[in-house]
Structure formats: C-alpha cells, structure tokens
Amino acid sequence: VCLLECSVREVRVVVASILEKTLESALHFGDPGLDNLTDTLLSLLDKDVPENVKNCAQYFGLFSNFAQRGCGPCQLLLKHSAYRRMLIFLLGPNRQNNQ
C-alpha cells in the first residue's frame, strides 16, 4: 500500500523497484508465494488505486517494467487476469464488452 499512499515520489519509486525485483526473482526461482503476491498487488486495483489515482504512476510502471521482461512475466500476468483487471479500472466496471 506504501506504493500508492506515500506522498513522496522517491519512496514510491524505491518500493516499486523492490517489488519488481521481488517479482522477477520469485518467477525465476519458482517461489510458491508468487501467485499470492501478484494477486495481492492486482487486488489494489479494486480500492486503493482509485483512492490514490494521483500516485499510481509507479504502480502501473511496476507492471509495465515487469511485463517487458519477457514471456514468463506476461504469462503470469495473463494467468491473474491483470490486463482485464486494468482495463476494468481504466474504463470503469459498467462497460459492456462491445462498447
């Protein structure tokens, strides 16, 4: 939550960097807690990101940087419906599929 609620940009950058390295290492070593961490980070889209929208650049940057690391990170994000969840956040929950 510090990634979103901290008012100091530099702190959010450092927290995002730590989380990105943690995700990369957990994926590389097959850590069983990776799914839980990923799901926890993505669950922030439901309440915490909308409440701290002015501070969410590092949150989305974390996922952007992680996804650019290759096929493994993208598969993990797809497994947790990250792209769908982000689209729902950006477009709003009441959008129809064809709109």
Protein backbone atom coordinates (compact mmCIF):
# COMPACT_ATOMS: atom_id res chain seq x y z
CA VAL A 1 0.00 0.00 0.00
CA CYS A 2 3.03 2.28 0.51
CA LEU A 3 3.41 2.12 -3.25
CA LEU A 4 0.21 4.14 -3.56
CA GLU A 5 -0.33 6.02 -0.32
CA CYS A 6 3.09 7.55 0.24
CA SER A 7 3.15 11.20 -0.81
CA VAL A 8 6.90 11.16 -1.55
CA ARG A 9 7.53 10.12 -5.15
CA GLU A 10 11.06 8.86 -4.47
CA VAL A 11 9.75 6.44 -1.85
CA ARG A 12 7.15 5.09 -4.29
CA VAL A 13 9.89 4.63 -6.92
CA VAL A 14 12.05 2.64 -4.50
CA VAL A 15 9.11 0.50 -3.33
CA ALA A 16 8.15 -0.20 -6.96
CA SER A 17 11.74 -1.18 -7.75
CA ILE A 18 11.88 -3.54 -4.77
CA LEU A 19 8.57 -5.14 -5.74
CA GLU A 20 9.69 -5.50 -9.36
CA LYS A 21 12.92 -7.27 -8.31
CA THR A 22 10.92 -9.44 -5.91
CA LEU A 23 8.52 -10.49 -8.68
CA GLU A 24 11.39 -11.21 -11.07
CA SER A 25 13.29 -13.29 -8.51
CA ALA A 26 10.19 -15.19 -7.40
CA LEU A 27 9.39 -16.01 -11.02
CA HIS A 28 12.96 -17.05 -11.75
CA PHE A 29 13.21 -19.35 -8.72
CA GLY A 30 9.63 -20.66 -8.89
CA ASP A 31 8.63 -19.29 -5.50
CA PRO A 32 5.21 -20.63 -4.47
CA GLY A 33 4.30 -17.24 -2.95
CA LEU A 34 4.47 -15.54 -6.35
CA ASP A 35 0.80 -16.14 -7.16
CA ASN A 36 -0.25 -14.67 -3.82
CA LEU A 37 1.97 -11.60 -4.24
CA THR A 38 0.76 -11.00 -7.78
CA ASP A 39 -2.87 -11.36 -6.79
CA THR A 40 -2.37 -9.05 -3.79
CA LEU A 41 -0.80 -6.36 -5.97
CA LEU A 42 -3.57 -6.66 -8.54
CA SER A 43 -6.27 -6.54 -5.87
CA LEU A 44 -5.12 -2.98 -5.13
CA LEU A 45 -6.90 -2.03 -8.37
CA ASP A 46 -10.25 -2.59 -6.65
CA LYS A 47 -9.98 0.09 -3.97
CA ASP A 48 -6.53 1.50 -3.27
CA VAL A 49 -5.58 2.59 -6.80
CA PRO A 50 -8.82 4.56 -7.38
CA GLU A 51 -8.40 6.25 -3.99
CA ASN A 52 -4.79 7.23 -4.79
CA VAL A 53 -5.02 7.84 -8.51
CA LYS A 54 -2.59 10.79 -8.37
CA ASN A 55 0.11 8.47 -7.01
CA CYS A 56 -0.47 5.43 -9.24
CA ALA A 57 2.24 6.04 -11.88
CA GLN A 58 4.74 3.84 -10.07
CA TYR A 59 2.11 1.13 -9.59
CA PHE A 60 1.45 0.85 -13.31
CA GLY A 61 5.15 1.35 -14.07
CA LEU A 62 5.90 -1.69 -11.91
CA PHE A 63 3.67 -3.89 -14.06
CA SER A 64 4.87 -2.31 -17.29
CA ASN A 65 8.53 -2.93 -16.45
CA PHE A 66 7.78 -6.45 -15.24
CA ALA A 67 5.82 -7.34 -18.40
CA GLN A 68 8.71 -6.14 -20.58
CA ARG A 69 10.98 -8.80 -19.05
CA GLY A 70 9.72 -11.47 -21.42
CA CYS A 71 7.27 -14.29 -21.86
CA GLY A 72 7.29 -15.57 -18.26
CA PRO A 73 6.10 -12.34 -16.67
CA CYS A 74 3.44 -11.87 -19.36
CA GLN A 75 2.14 -15.40 -18.80
CA LEU A 76 1.95 -14.76 -15.06
CA LEU A 77 0.02 -11.52 -15.61
CA LEU A 78 -2.35 -13.25 -18.03
CA LYS A 79 -2.87 -16.06 -15.52
CA HIS A 80 -4.05 -13.49 -12.96
CA SER A 81 -6.19 -11.57 -15.49
CA ALA A 82 -4.05 -8.47 -14.98
CA TYR A 83 -4.85 -6.94 -18.34
CA ARG A 84 -8.60 -7.45 -17.91
CA ARG A 85 -8.46 -6.04 -14.38
CA MET A 86 -6.53 -2.98 -15.55
CA LEU A 87 -8.95 -2.37 -18.40
CA ILE A 88 -11.87 -2.55 -15.96
CA PHE A 89 -10.09 0.01 -13.79
CA LEU A 90 -9.37 2.32 -16.73
CA LEU A 91 -12.76 2.03 -18.47
CA GLY A 92 -14.96 1.55 -15.43
CA PRO A 93 -16.75 -1.58 -14.19
CA ASN A 94 -20.03 -0.89 -16.01
CA ARG A 95 -18.69 -1.02 -19.56
CA GLN A 96 -20.20 -3.63 -21.84
CA ASN A 97 -17.89 -5.92 -23.83
CA ASN A 98 -18.76 -4.37 -27.19
CA GLN A 99 -18.71 -0.71 -26.19
